[in-house]
Amino acid sequence: MSHQVPPSALVPDHPKSKIVYIDYLKVLLTALVIAHHAFVTYGAPGGWYYSEKTTITGAIMAMTMFVAVNQSYFMGFFFFLSALFIPSSYKKKGATVFIKDRLFRLGIPLLFYSFVLAPVMNYLVYYYAGEHHITFLQFLSGYDSWISVGVLWFVVALLLFSLLYAVWKSIATSPPDVWPMPAVKNILRLGAALAVVSFIVRLSFPVGWVLDPVGFQLGHFPQYIVVFMVGIAAAESKWLDQLNSGQYKKIKTIALCMIFIGFPMVYAIKIIFDNPLEWFSGGLHGEAAFYAFWEQITGVCIMVALFAYGKEHLNMPNALLSRMSRCAFAVYILHPFVLISLSLLLRSWDVDPVVKLMIVTPLGVIFSFLLGDFVIRIPGVNKVI
């Protein structure tokens, strides 16, 4: 499943008036997740519940660039932002309550997605796209994918990381180290180090290889693990108070260059040498090494640039964004249902999938947030998400 958030996972407890930009960045990331899966539906590489790929080369290139840039940072950024408030939550609640809270707030959505939402979505695709006109009960009688976390692989990983943090805190005997704000050169070094580790991991677990049933693409996990740890360090070292966007202007320039110069170079290598696309995903290939370096350096630069931009430009109360941030986790859970429904409604429309993409993407974002806002108003639901 392509990659590619709640009070507990992506909307942590913190003083809203001081650092609201964290929540607003999560709103942006959640919208990008929706767009990402819409692009995968209509032409970009990747797996999804339902797909209807365009054959227009230029459109495929643009869609591929969009999802490749997203993949370089957006899920890693979710892990980083989520980690920022874990130490304060652990300190406030204590180990036992912290673990129970995580299991409650993350475990219930996992069960709902796997046992309710996933069967419904798979049935819709089977019935309408597959044209197997059977009842839902007939479909369930032969259904064998009950452990299906889908996009909630992120929640599984966040739960695992949180539990490991609790274990580490329970055995740690010394206070956490205080780290200085990283200099630009150290950020680039981190990206390069992640590239090397990612390349090595992808020798065995190329991009696209999924660990079932938890849905982990292990080829991306070096970044997820490291940026989660960096988020913990940032919290312990109070980077939020020290962040100055001016010190990372070079990072913004590097990120833009990596996107608009670096990615076309990746595409050029594919065209010039005409080697299989799989060579970029992993294995002992120069293409895999080049792609790993492009992806990781691009990713860490975008994360830092967005983080700095958020503090400078988004750190002020906004009623609409606050309301959207409150339902962001519900949106993350429910957006596959919205996208699948919209895509199936337009399935018989005889136009190129690119046209459908232009309609489904904005509608997917709008209806996902409207549905999320409605769901969190259901009595009892707001206690979970």
Protein backbone atom coordinates (compact mmCIF):
# COMPACT_ATOMS: atom_id res chain seq x y z
CA MET A 1 0.00 0.00 0.00
CA SER A 2 1.33 3.40 -0.90
CA HIS A 3 2.26 5.70 1.83
CA GLN A 4 2.63 7.69 2.32
CA VAL A 5 -3.35 12.56 12.49
CA PRO A 6 -5.30 13.15 16.73
CA PRO A 7 -4.91 14.07 20.12
CA SER A 8 -2.47 11.21 20.60
CA ALA A 9 -0.72 10.66 17.33
CA LEU A 10 -0.57 13.88 15.44
CA VAL A 11 -2.25 16.49 17.59
CA PRO A 12 -0.39 16.20 20.89
CA ASP A 13 -0.99 18.09 24.11
CA HIS A 14 0.74 21.47 24.04
CA PRO A 15 0.05 25.15 24.69
CA LYS A 16 -1.93 26.04 21.59
CA SER A 17 -1.34 29.77 21.81
CA LYS A 18 2.43 29.39 21.65
CA ILE A 19 3.10 26.75 19.00
CA VAL A 20 -0.04 26.39 16.94
CA TYR A 21 2.09 26.13 13.81
CA ILE A 22 2.80 22.48 14.65
CA ASP A 23 -0.89 21.65 14.31
CA TYR A 24 -1.19 23.72 11.14
CA LEU A 25 1.76 21.92 9.58
CA LYS A 26 -0.04 18.65 10.29
CA VAL A 27 -3.11 19.97 8.46
CA LEU A 28 -0.89 20.66 5.45
CA LEU A 29 0.67 17.20 5.64
CA THR A 30 -2.73 15.53 5.96
CA ALA A 31 -3.97 17.33 2.85
CA LEU A 32 -0.82 16.23 1.03
CA VAL A 33 -1.48 12.61 2.03
CA ILE A 34 -4.92 12.85 0.41
CA ALA A 35 -3.49 14.42 -2.74
CA HIS A 36 -0.68 11.85 -2.78
CA HIS A 37 -3.12 8.94 -2.90
CA ALA A 38 -5.26 10.68 -5.52
CA PHE A 39 -2.16 11.02 -7.71
CA VAL A 40 -1.34 7.34 -7.18
CA THR A 41 -4.90 6.49 -8.20
CA TYR A 42 -4.63 8.27 -11.53
CA GLY A 43 -1.09 7.84 -12.77
CA ALA A 44 1.75 8.04 -10.26
CA PRO A 45 3.60 4.84 -9.33
CA GLY A 46 2.44 3.04 -6.22
CA GLY A 47 -0.28 0.72 -5.00
CA TRP A 48 -3.78 1.76 -3.93
CA TYR A 49 -7.19 0.18 -3.43
CA TYR A 50 -8.39 1.41 -6.82
CA SER A 51 -6.36 2.74 -9.72
CA GLU A 52 -7.12 4.14 -13.15
CA LYS A 53 -3.78 5.18 -14.63
CA THR A 54 -3.31 7.77 -17.35
CA THR A 55 -1.07 7.00 -20.32
CA ILE A 56 -0.03 10.61 -21.01
CA THR A 57 3.75 10.67 -20.55
CA GLY A 58 4.02 14.28 -19.43
CA ALA A 59 1.28 13.81 -16.84
CA ILE A 60 2.92 10.66 -15.52
CA MET A 61 6.23 12.51 -15.14
CA ALA A 62 4.57 15.36 -13.21
CA MET A 63 2.64 12.94 -10.99
CA THR A 64 5.76 10.90 -10.34
CA MET A 65 7.66 14.01 -9.31
CA PHE A 66 4.86 15.01 -6.96
CA VAL A 67 4.67 11.67 -5.15
CA ALA A 68 8.48 11.21 -5.11
CA VAL A 69 8.98 14.61 -3.46
CA ASN A 70 6.16 13.84 -1.00
CA GLN A 71 7.62 10.46 -0.15
CA SER A 72 10.99 12.00 0.55
CA TYR A 73 9.71 13.83 3.60
CA PHE A 74 6.02 13.88 4.47
CA MET A 75 5.68 10.68 6.51
CA GLY A 76 9.07 11.28 8.12
CA PHE A 77 7.89 14.77 9.04
CA PHE A 78 4.79 13.28 10.65
CA PHE A 79 7.04 11.13 12.85
CA PHE A 80 9.20 14.12 13.75
CA LEU A 81 6.27 16.34 14.68
CA SER A 82 4.60 13.55 16.63
CA ALA A 83 7.79 12.90 18.60
CA LEU A 84 8.11 16.53 19.68
CA PHE A 85 5.53 16.19 22.44
CA ILE A 86 6.07 12.61 23.53
CA PRO A 87 8.60 13.48 26.29
CA SER A 88 6.24 16.03 27.89
CA SER A 89 3.32 13.61 27.63
CA TYR A 90 5.36 10.83 29.23
CA LYS A 91 6.54 13.12 32.01
CA LYS A 92 3.03 14.37 32.73
CA LYS A 93 1.28 10.99 32.67
CA GLY A 94 3.92 8.56 33.85
CA ALA A 95 4.84 5.29 32.16
CA THR A 96 1.69 3.29 32.90
CA VAL A 97 -0.84 5.95 31.93
CA PHE A 98 1.25 6.97 28.91
CA ILE A 99 1.24 3.40 27.56
CA LYS A 100 -2.47 2.88 28.29
CA ASP A 101 -3.30 6.16 26.58
CA ARG A 102 -1.31 5.23 23.49
CA LEU A 103 -2.90 1.79 23.28
CA PHE A 104 -6.36 3.31 23.66
CA ARG A 105 -6.01 6.23 21.27
CA LEU A 106 -4.05 4.36 18.60
CA GLY A 107 -5.32 0.82 19.08
CA ILE A 108 -9.04 1.57 18.67
CA PRO A 109 -8.57 3.35 15.31
CA LEU A 110 -6.47 0.39 14.15
CA LEU A 111 -9.23 -2.06 15.02
CA PHE A 112 -11.87 0.13 13.36
CA TYR A 113 -9.85 0.49 10.17
CA SER A 114 -9.00 -3.20 9.90
CA PHE A 115 -12.36 -4.71 10.83
CA VAL A 116 -14.82 -2.09 9.57
CA LEU A 117 -13.42 0.42 7.10
CA ALA A 118 -11.09 -1.83 5.08
CA PRO A 119 -13.75 -4.50 4.36
CA VAL A 120 -16.21 -1.80 3.25
CA MET A 121 -13.66 -0.16 0.92
CA ASN A 122 -12.54 -3.48 -0.54
CA TYR A 123 -16.16 -4.43 -1.13
CA LEU A 124 -16.89 -1.19 -2.95
CA VAL A 125 -13.95 -1.76 -5.29
CA TYR A 126 -14.87 -5.43 -5.77
CA TYR A 127 -18.52 -4.63 -6.48
CA TYR A 128 -18.20 -1.57 -8.73
CA ALA A 129 -14.74 -1.72 -10.30
CA GLY A 130 -14.59 -5.52 -10.40
CA GLU A 131 -18.27 -5.73 -11.35
CA HIS A 132 -18.89 -8.63 -8.97
CA HIS A 133 -22.46 -7.92 -8.02
CA ILE A 134 -22.81 -9.77 -4.76
CA THR A 135 -24.09 -8.69 -1.38
CA PHE A 136 -21.79 -7.39 1.34
CA LEU A 137 -22.49 -10.48 3.47
CA GLN A 138 -21.56 -12.74 0.55
CA PHE A 139 -18.35 -10.76 0.13
CA LEU A 140 -17.52 -11.12 3.82
CA SER A 141 -18.05 -14.89 3.70
CA GLY A 142 -14.95 -15.19 1.53
CA TYR A 143 -13.02 -12.23 2.93
CA ASP A 144 -9.55 -13.13 4.22
CA SER A 145 -7.87 -9.75 4.80
CA TRP A 146 -9.07 -8.96 8.31
CA ILE A 147 -5.65 -7.79 9.44
CA SER A 148 -5.45 -4.85 7.06
CA VAL A 149 -3.99 -1.66 8.51
CA GLY A 150 -3.72 0.18 5.18
CA VAL A 151 -2.66 3.78 5.68
CA LEU A 152 -2.65 3.19 9.43
CA TRP A 153 0.74 1.50 9.10
CA PHE A 154 1.87 4.89 10.38
CA VAL A 155 -0.15 4.45 13.56
CA VAL A 156 1.29 0.96 14.07
CA ALA A 157 4.82 2.36 13.74
CA LEU A 158 4.08 5.34 15.99
CA LEU A 159 2.67 3.00 18.64
CA LEU A 160 5.77 0.81 18.40
CA PHE A 161 8.13 3.80 18.61
CA SER A 162 6.20 5.20 21.59
CA LEU A 163 6.37 1.90 23.46
CA LEU A 164 10.10 1.64 22.79
CA TYR A 165 10.53 5.19 24.10
CA ALA A 166 8.68 4.23 27.28
CA VAL A 167 10.93 1.20 27.72
CA TRP A 168 14.03 3.32 27.16
CA LYS A 169 12.87 5.91 29.69
CA SER A 170 12.19 3.21 32.25
CA ILE A 171 15.77 1.94 32.11
CA ALA A 172 17.59 5.25 31.53
CA THR A 173 19.56 6.31 34.59
CA SER A 174 20.89 9.68 33.47
CA PRO A 175 19.05 12.82 32.32
CA PRO A 176 18.67 13.24 28.55
CA ASP A 177 21.45 14.95 26.63
CA VAL A 178 20.91 18.52 25.49
CA TRP A 179 21.71 18.97 21.81
CA PRO A 180 22.37 22.32 20.10
CA MET A 181 20.28 23.38 17.13
CA PRO A 182 21.84 21.64 14.12
CA ALA A 183 23.87 23.73 11.70
CA VAL A 184 23.16 23.52 7.97
CA LYS A 185 26.24 21.37 7.36
CA ASN A 186 25.09 18.88 10.01
CA ILE A 187 21.64 18.65 8.46
CA LEU A 188 23.23 17.80 5.12
CA ARG A 189 25.48 15.26 6.82
CA LEU A 190 22.40 13.66 8.36
CA GLY A 191 20.77 13.45 4.93
CA ALA A 192 23.92 11.85 3.47
CA ALA A 193 24.15 9.36 6.34
CA LEU A 194 20.49 8.44 5.91
CA ALA A 195 21.12 7.95 2.20
CA VAL A 196 23.93 5.47 2.87
CA VAL A 197 21.87 3.52 5.40
CA SER A 198 18.79 3.57 3.15
CA PHE A 199 20.82 2.28 0.22
CA ILE A 200 22.16 -0.58 2.35
CA VAL A 201 18.73 -1.48 3.72
CA ARG A 202 17.25 -1.42 0.22
CA LEU A 203 19.72 -4.06 -0.92
CA SER A 204 17.41 -6.47 0.90
CA PHE A 205 14.20 -4.45 1.18
CA PRO A 206 13.71 -2.30 -1.93
CA VAL A 207 11.18 0.50 -2.04
CA GLY A 208 7.78 -1.08 -2.55
CA TRP A 209 8.57 -4.18 -0.50
CA VAL A 210 5.97 -4.36 2.28
CA LEU A 211 6.16 -6.20 5.57
CA ASP A 212 2.74 -7.77 6.04
CA PRO A 213 0.47 -7.47 7.92
CA VAL A 214 1.74 -4.19 9.43
CA GLY A 215 2.30 -2.52 6.06
CA PHE A 216 5.84 -1.30 6.75
CA GLN A 217 7.97 -0.39 3.73
CA LEU A 218 11.28 -1.11 5.42
CA GLY A 219 13.18 0.73 2.69
CA HIS A 220 11.84 3.99 4.13
CA PHE A 221 12.22 3.15 7.81
CA PRO A 222 15.79 4.38 8.36
CA GLN A 223 14.47 7.91 7.89
CA TYR A 224 11.38 7.34 10.02
CA ILE A 225 13.37 5.93 12.92
CA VAL A 226 16.05 8.62 12.84
CA VAL A 227 13.74 11.63 12.51
CA PHE A 228 11.57 10.27 15.32
CA MET A 229 14.70 10.16 17.49
CA VAL A 230 15.63 13.66 16.34
CA GLY A 231 12.14 14.82 17.35
CA ILE A 232 12.68 13.39 20.83
CA ALA A 233 16.07 15.14 21.03
CA ALA A 234 14.50 18.38 19.81
CA ALA A 235 11.91 18.20 22.57
CA GLU A 236 14.45 17.45 25.28
CA SER A 237 16.72 20.24 24.01
CA LYS A 238 13.89 22.79 23.57
CA TRP A 239 14.53 23.47 19.90
CA LEU A 240 11.03 24.93 19.49
CA ASP A 241 12.09 27.88 21.64
CA GLN A 242 15.39 28.36 19.82
CA LEU A 243 14.23 27.94 16.22
CA ASN A 244 15.13 30.89 14.03
CA SER A 245 14.02 30.65 10.42
CA GLY A 246 16.82 32.94 9.27
CA GLN A 247 19.48 30.37 10.08
CA TYR A 248 17.99 27.90 7.59
CA LYS A 249 17.58 30.06 4.47
CA LYS A 250 20.25 28.01 2.71
CA ILE A 251 18.28 24.86 3.45
CA LYS A 252 15.26 26.28 1.62
CA THR A 253 17.42 27.01 -1.44
CA ILE A 254 18.96 23.54 -1.35
CA ALA A 255 15.49 21.95 -1.07
CA LEU A 256 14.23 23.85 -4.11
CA CYS A 257 17.32 22.89 -6.11
CA MET A 258 16.93 19.24 -5.15
CA ILE A 259 13.31 19.30 -6.31
CA PHE A 260 13.55 21.24 -9.55
CA ILE A 261 17.08 20.28 -10.62
CA GLY A 262 17.77 17.05 -8.77
CA PHE A 263 14.60 15.19 -9.67
CA PRO A 264 14.86 15.95 -13.41
CA MET A 265 18.37 14.49 -13.17
CA VAL A 266 16.89 11.30 -11.74
CA TYR A 267 14.48 11.16 -14.66
CA ALA A 268 17.26 11.93 -17.12
CA ILE A 269 19.30 8.99 -15.84
CA LYS A 270 16.30 6.73 -16.41
CA ILE A 271 15.84 8.00 -19.96
CA ILE A 272 19.54 8.00 -20.93
CA PHE A 273 20.43 4.55 -19.66
CA ASP A 274 16.96 3.02 -20.04
CA ASN A 275 17.54 0.66 -17.15
CA PRO A 276 14.59 -0.91 -15.30
CA LEU A 277 12.75 1.41 -12.93
CA GLU A 278 13.26 -1.22 -10.22
CA TRP A 279 16.97 -0.35 -10.21
CA PHE A 280 16.08 2.95 -8.51
CA SER A 281 14.13 1.14 -5.79
CA GLY A 282 16.99 -0.92 -4.45
CA GLY A 283 19.73 -3.41 -5.14
CA LEU A 284 23.38 -2.97 -5.99
CA HIS A 285 22.81 -0.35 -8.68
CA GLY A 286 24.13 3.16 -9.18
CA GLU A 287 20.56 4.30 -9.80
CA ALA A 288 19.51 3.07 -6.34
CA ALA A 289 22.42 4.93 -4.71
CA PHE A 290 21.71 8.13 -6.63
CA TYR A 291 18.01 7.99 -5.80
CA ALA A 292 18.68 7.32 -2.10
CA PHE A 293 20.94 10.38 -1.89
CA TRP A 294 18.47 12.57 -3.76
CA GLU A 295 15.56 11.37 -1.64
CA GLN A 296 17.12 11.67 1.80
CA ILE A 297 18.87 15.01 1.30
CA THR A 298 15.72 16.41 -0.29
CA GLY A 299 13.61 15.05 2.54
CA VAL A 300 15.60 16.43 5.47
CA CYS A 301 15.94 19.82 3.75
CA ILE A 302 12.19 20.09 3.13
CA MET A 303 11.42 19.09 6.74
CA VAL A 304 13.73 21.77 8.12
CA ALA A 305 12.49 24.39 5.65
CA LEU A 306 8.83 23.69 6.49
CA PHE A 307 9.55 23.67 10.20
CA ALA A 308 11.22 27.07 9.98
CA TYR A 309 8.52 28.43 7.67
CA GLY A 310 5.81 27.26 10.04
CA LYS A 311 7.24 29.08 13.04
CA GLU A 312 7.73 32.30 11.08
CA HIS A 313 4.46 32.41 9.14
CA LEU A 314 1.91 30.06 10.74
CA ASN A 315 2.38 30.70 14.44
CA MET A 316 -0.81 32.68 14.96
CA PRO A 317 -4.31 31.49 15.88
CA ASN A 318 -6.59 30.71 12.94
CA ALA A 319 -10.10 29.44 13.58
CA LEU A 320 -10.41 27.40 10.38
CA LEU A 321 -6.97 25.78 10.66
CA SER A 322 -7.59 25.03 14.34
CA ARG A 323 -10.84 23.29 13.47
CA MET A 324 -9.11 21.35 10.68
CA SER A 325 -6.28 20.35 12.99
CA ARG A 326 -8.74 19.00 15.53
CA CYS A 327 -10.14 16.52 13.02
CA ALA A 328 -6.87 15.77 11.20
CA PHE A 329 -6.50 12.27 12.65
CA ALA A 330 -10.07 11.39 11.67
CA VAL A 331 -9.32 12.73 8.18
CA TYR A 332 -6.20 10.59 7.95
CA ILE A 333 -8.22 7.49 8.86
CA LEU A 334 -11.21 8.20 6.62
CA HIS A 335 -9.66 9.76 3.50
CA PRO A 336 -9.21 6.40 1.67
CA PHE A 337 -12.98 5.86 1.87
CA VAL A 338 -13.63 9.34 0.48
CA LEU A 339 -11.13 8.96 -2.37
CA ILE A 340 -12.37 5.50 -3.32
CA SER A 341 -15.99 6.69 -3.32
CA LEU A 342 -15.20 9.70 -5.52
CA SER A 343 -13.09 7.62 -7.91
CA LEU A 344 -15.80 4.98 -8.29
CA LEU A 345 -18.45 7.65 -8.89
CA LEU A 346 -16.38 8.99 -11.80
CA ARG A 347 -15.29 5.56 -13.04
CA SER A 348 -17.61 5.44 -16.05
CA TRP A 349 -16.90 9.03 -17.13
CA ASP A 350 -15.16 8.77 -20.50
CA VAL A 351 -12.33 11.27 -20.01
CA ASP A 352 -8.62 10.89 -19.39
CA PRO A 353 -7.72 10.08 -15.77
CA VAL A 354 -5.84 13.39 -15.58
CA VAL A 355 -9.16 15.24 -15.74
CA LYS A 356 -10.53 13.04 -12.97
CA LEU A 357 -7.44 13.75 -10.88
CA MET A 358 -8.08 17.49 -11.14
CA ILE A 359 -11.57 16.94 -9.75
CA VAL A 360 -10.97 14.17 -7.21
CA THR A 361 -7.96 15.82 -5.53
CA PRO A 362 -9.64 19.04 -4.30
CA LEU A 363 -12.94 17.29 -3.62
CA GLY A 364 -11.09 14.55 -1.76
CA VAL A 365 -9.47 17.10 0.53
CA ILE A 366 -12.70 19.04 1.10
CA PHE A 367 -14.96 16.05 1.73
CA SER A 368 -12.38 14.24 3.86
CA PHE A 369 -12.14 17.21 6.23
CA LEU A 370 -15.91 17.67 6.26
CA LEU A 371 -16.37 13.99 7.10
CA GLY A 372 -13.63 14.12 9.72
CA ASP A 373 -15.21 17.18 11.33
CA PHE A 374 -18.57 15.39 11.44
CA VAL A 375 -17.16 12.16 12.88
CA ILE A 376 -15.35 13.77 15.81
CA ARG A 377 -18.67 15.27 16.90
CA ILE A 378 -20.15 11.80 17.41
CA PRO A 379 -20.50 11.18 21.17
CA GLY A 380 -17.62 9.07 22.44
CA VAL A 381 -15.48 9.41 19.33
CA ASN A 382 -13.80 12.57 20.58
CA LYS A 383 -12.50 10.61 23.56
CA VAL A 384 -10.47 8.47 21.14
CA ILE A 385 -9.56 10.86 18.35
